[in-house]
Amino acid sequence: MGGSKSKMVIMFVLLLIILEGGWSEGCLDHERFALLRLKHFFDDTGSYLYNWGDGEGATDCCQWE
């Protein structure tokens, strides 16, 4: 019975990781390019989209704010 309970806990933890996106490798190139094209249509006078770019460390558009 103890083995069954630990298997359930492991399955639950794995499910949480998957649902949280813990195994995501970032956004796809076509998604990033599409967002960069849309950026020009926004009025960003406050520079809120400063981290949207192609620079080093900014290639994962899933992390852009």
Protein backbone atom coordinates (compact mmCIF):
# COMPACT_ATOMS: atom_id res chain seq x y z
CA MET A 1 0.00 0.00 0.00
CA GLY A 2 2.89 2.40 0.71
CA GLY A 3 4.26 1.95 -2.82
CA SER A 4 0.91 2.83 -4.33
CA LYS A 5 0.71 6.04 -2.31
CA SER A 6 4.21 7.14 -3.31
CA LYS A 7 3.39 6.47 -6.98
CA MET A 8 0.33 8.70 -6.66
CA VAL A 9 2.42 11.47 -5.11
CA ILE A 10 5.00 11.22 -7.89
CA MET A 11 2.29 11.31 -10.56
CA PHE A 12 0.71 14.34 -8.91
CA VAL A 13 4.03 16.21 -8.78
CA LEU A 14 4.75 15.39 -12.43
CA LEU A 15 1.29 16.61 -13.40
CA LEU A 16 1.90 19.90 -11.59
CA ILE A 17 5.23 20.35 -13.36
CA ILE A 18 3.65 19.72 -16.75
CA LEU A 19 0.72 22.05 -16.10
CA GLU A 20 3.01 24.77 -14.82
CA GLY A 21 5.07 24.59 -18.01
CA GLY A 22 8.22 23.49 -16.27
CA TRP A 23 9.38 21.60 -19.34
CA SER A 24 8.87 24.43 -21.77
CA GLU A 25 11.83 25.22 -23.98
CA GLY A 26 10.66 28.74 -24.66
CA CYS A 27 8.72 30.20 -27.49
CA LEU A 28 9.06 29.20 -31.10
CA ASP A 29 10.86 31.41 -33.59
CA HIS A 30 7.70 32.23 -35.53
CA GLU A 31 5.95 33.24 -32.29
CA ARG A 32 8.83 35.56 -31.35
CA PHE A 33 8.93 37.14 -34.81
CA ALA A 34 5.16 37.69 -34.77
CA LEU A 35 5.34 39.43 -31.38
CA LEU A 36 8.20 41.62 -32.56
CA ARG A 37 6.14 42.66 -35.60
CA LEU A 38 3.16 43.48 -33.35
CA LYS A 39 5.34 45.53 -30.99
CA HIS A 40 5.49 48.38 -33.52
CA PHE A 41 1.71 48.82 -33.34
CA PHE A 42 1.71 49.50 -29.59
CA ASP A 43 2.13 52.95 -28.08
CA ASP A 44 5.02 52.13 -25.75
CA THR A 45 5.87 55.62 -24.50
CA GLY A 46 6.62 54.18 -21.05
CA SER A 47 9.07 51.62 -22.50
CA TYR A 48 7.12 48.76 -20.95
CA LEU A 49 8.13 46.47 -23.80
CA TYR A 50 11.85 47.16 -23.46
CA ASN A 51 12.66 43.47 -23.00
CA TRP A 52 10.90 42.50 -26.24
CA GLY A 53 13.81 42.04 -28.58
CA ASP A 54 16.38 39.90 -30.28
CA GLY A 55 19.23 40.78 -27.95
CA GLU A 56 21.12 38.34 -25.81
CA GLY A 57 18.87 36.81 -23.17
CA ALA A 58 15.73 38.18 -24.83
CA THR A 59 15.08 35.35 -27.26
CA ASP A 60 12.55 33.53 -25.06
CA CYS A 61 9.36 35.48 -25.70
CA CYS A 62 7.57 33.41 -23.07
CA GLN A 63 9.57 35.37 -20.49
CA TRP A 64 8.81 38.81 -21.94
CA GLU A 65 6.65 41.03 -19.76
